[in-house]
Amino acid sequence: MQGYKDGRFRLRVGQYRIIYKYTVDGSIEILLILDIGVRGDIYK
């Protein structure tokens, strides 16, 4: 799991990458999936 300066994270699952953001709003935890893609294409 790696992070970005704007609060996004990336998770490696096999050849796929998941870009997500995790926030807490009061007592509610929010996981927002921003993008899912193959390793070579996800960062473009």
N, C-alpha and C. Protein backbone atom coordinates (compact mmCIF):
# COMPACT_ATOMS: atom_id res chain seq x y z
N MET A 1 0.85 -1.16 0.00
CA MET A 1 0.00 0.00 0.00
C MET A 1 0.91 1.23 0.00
N GLN A 2 0.70 2.10 -0.95
CA GLN A 2 1.47 3.32 -1.07
C GLN A 2 0.51 4.51 -1.05
N GLY A 3 1.01 5.66 -0.67
CA GLY A 3 0.15 6.83 -0.59
C GLY A 3 0.60 7.97 -1.49
N TYR A 4 -0.30 8.92 -1.66
CA TYR A 4 -0.03 10.15 -2.40
C TYR A 4 -0.15 11.31 -1.42
N LYS A 5 0.34 12.47 -1.79
CA LYS A 5 0.29 13.62 -0.90
C LYS A 5 -1.12 14.17 -0.70
N ASP A 6 -2.04 13.84 -1.61
CA ASP A 6 -3.42 14.36 -1.49
C ASP A 6 -4.35 13.40 -0.76
N GLY A 7 -3.82 12.37 -0.13
CA GLY A 7 -4.64 11.48 0.68
C GLY A 7 -5.10 10.21 -0.02
N ARG A 8 -4.76 10.05 -1.30
CA ARG A 8 -5.12 8.82 -2.01
C ARG A 8 -4.12 7.72 -1.66
N PHE A 9 -4.56 6.48 -1.81
CA PHE A 9 -3.70 5.33 -1.61
C PHE A 9 -3.85 4.40 -2.80
N ARG A 10 -2.85 3.53 -2.99
CA ARG A 10 -2.95 2.52 -4.04
C ARG A 10 -2.65 1.17 -3.42
N LEU A 11 -3.37 0.18 -3.90
CA LEU A 11 -3.26 -1.19 -3.40
C LEU A 11 -3.00 -2.10 -4.57
N ARG A 12 -2.01 -2.97 -4.45
CA ARG A 12 -1.68 -3.91 -5.52
C ARG A 12 -2.40 -5.24 -5.25
N VAL A 13 -3.15 -5.70 -6.25
CA VAL A 13 -3.84 -6.98 -6.18
C VAL A 13 -3.50 -7.72 -7.47
N GLY A 14 -2.47 -8.56 -7.43
CA GLY A 14 -2.01 -9.24 -8.64
C GLY A 14 -1.50 -8.23 -9.64
N GLN A 15 -2.02 -8.27 -10.86
CA GLN A 15 -1.60 -7.32 -11.89
C GLN A 15 -2.44 -6.04 -11.88
N TYR A 16 -3.40 -5.94 -10.98
CA TYR A 16 -4.29 -4.78 -10.91
C TYR A 16 -3.86 -3.83 -9.80
N ARG A 17 -4.21 -2.56 -9.98
CA ARG A 17 -4.00 -1.54 -8.96
C ARG A 17 -5.35 -0.90 -8.64
N ILE A 18 -5.58 -0.66 -7.37
CA ILE A 18 -6.80 -0.01 -6.91
C ILE A 18 -6.38 1.31 -6.27
N ILE A 19 -6.90 2.41 -6.78
CA ILE A 19 -6.65 3.73 -6.22
C ILE A 19 -7.87 4.09 -5.38
N TYR A 20 -7.65 4.43 -4.11
CA TYR A 20 -8.78 4.70 -3.22
C TYR A 20 -8.44 5.81 -2.25
N LYS A 21 -9.47 6.30 -1.60
CA LYS A 21 -9.33 7.33 -0.58
C LYS A 21 -10.18 6.91 0.62
N TYR A 22 -9.64 7.03 1.79
CA TYR A 22 -10.31 6.63 3.03
C TYR A 22 -10.49 7.87 3.89
N THR A 23 -11.72 8.11 4.32
CA THR A 23 -11.98 9.25 5.20
C THR A 23 -12.93 8.83 6.32
N VAL A 24 -12.97 9.64 7.35
CA VAL A 24 -13.88 9.43 8.46
C VAL A 24 -14.72 10.68 8.61
N ASP A 25 -16.03 10.51 8.61
CA ASP A 25 -16.97 11.62 8.76
C ASP A 25 -17.78 11.37 10.03
N GLY A 26 -17.31 11.93 11.12
CA GLY A 26 -17.94 11.66 12.41
C GLY A 26 -17.67 10.22 12.81
N SER A 27 -18.72 9.41 12.92
CA SER A 27 -18.55 8.00 13.27
C SER A 27 -18.68 7.09 12.05
N ILE A 28 -18.78 7.68 10.86
CA ILE A 28 -18.93 6.91 9.62
C ILE A 28 -17.59 6.85 8.89
N GLU A 29 -17.15 5.63 8.59
CA GLU A 29 -15.93 5.45 7.82
C GLU A 29 -16.30 5.30 6.35
N ILE A 30 -15.62 6.04 5.46
CA ILE A 30 -15.94 6.05 4.03
C ILE A 30 -14.73 5.57 3.24
N LEU A 31 -14.93 4.57 2.41
CA LEU A 31 -13.90 4.08 1.50
C LEU A 31 -14.40 4.37 0.09
N LEU A 32 -13.72 5.28 -0.58
CA LEU A 32 -14.11 5.71 -1.92
C LEU A 32 -13.13 5.13 -2.93
N ILE A 33 -13.61 4.23 -3.79
CA ILE A 33 -12.78 3.63 -4.84
C ILE A 33 -12.75 4.62 -6.00
N LEU A 34 -11.57 5.11 -6.33
CA LEU A 34 -11.43 6.11 -7.38
C LEU A 34 -11.17 5.49 -8.75
N ASP A 35 -10.36 4.41 -8.79
CA ASP A 35 -10.03 3.79 -10.08
C ASP A 35 -9.49 2.39 -9.84
N ILE A 36 -9.76 1.49 -10.78
CA ILE A 36 -9.22 0.14 -10.80
C ILE A 36 -8.72 -0.13 -12.21
N GLY A 37 -7.51 -0.63 -12.32
CA GLY A 37 -6.98 -0.90 -13.64
C GLY A 37 -5.73 -1.73 -13.62
N VAL A 38 -5.28 -2.13 -14.80
CA VAL A 38 -4.06 -2.90 -14.98
C VAL A 38 -2.86 -2.01 -14.65
N ARG A 39 -1.83 -2.59 -14.11
CA ARG A 39 -0.68 -1.86 -13.60
C ARG A 39 -0.13 -0.81 -14.55
N GLY A 40 0.08 -1.14 -15.81
CA GLY A 40 0.69 -0.21 -16.75
C GLY A 40 -0.20 0.94 -17.15
N ASP A 41 -1.51 0.79 -17.07
CA ASP A 41 -2.44 1.80 -17.53
C ASP A 41 -3.00 2.69 -16.43
N ILE A 42 -2.94 2.27 -15.20
CA ILE A 42 -3.63 2.98 -14.13
C ILE A 42 -3.02 4.33 -13.81
N TYR A 43 -1.72 4.50 -14.04
CA TYR A 43 -1.05 5.74 -13.67
C TYR A 43 -1.04 6.79 -14.78
N LYS A 44 -1.62 6.49 -15.91
CA LYS A 44 -1.61 7.42 -17.05
C LYS A 44 -2.75 8.39 -16.96
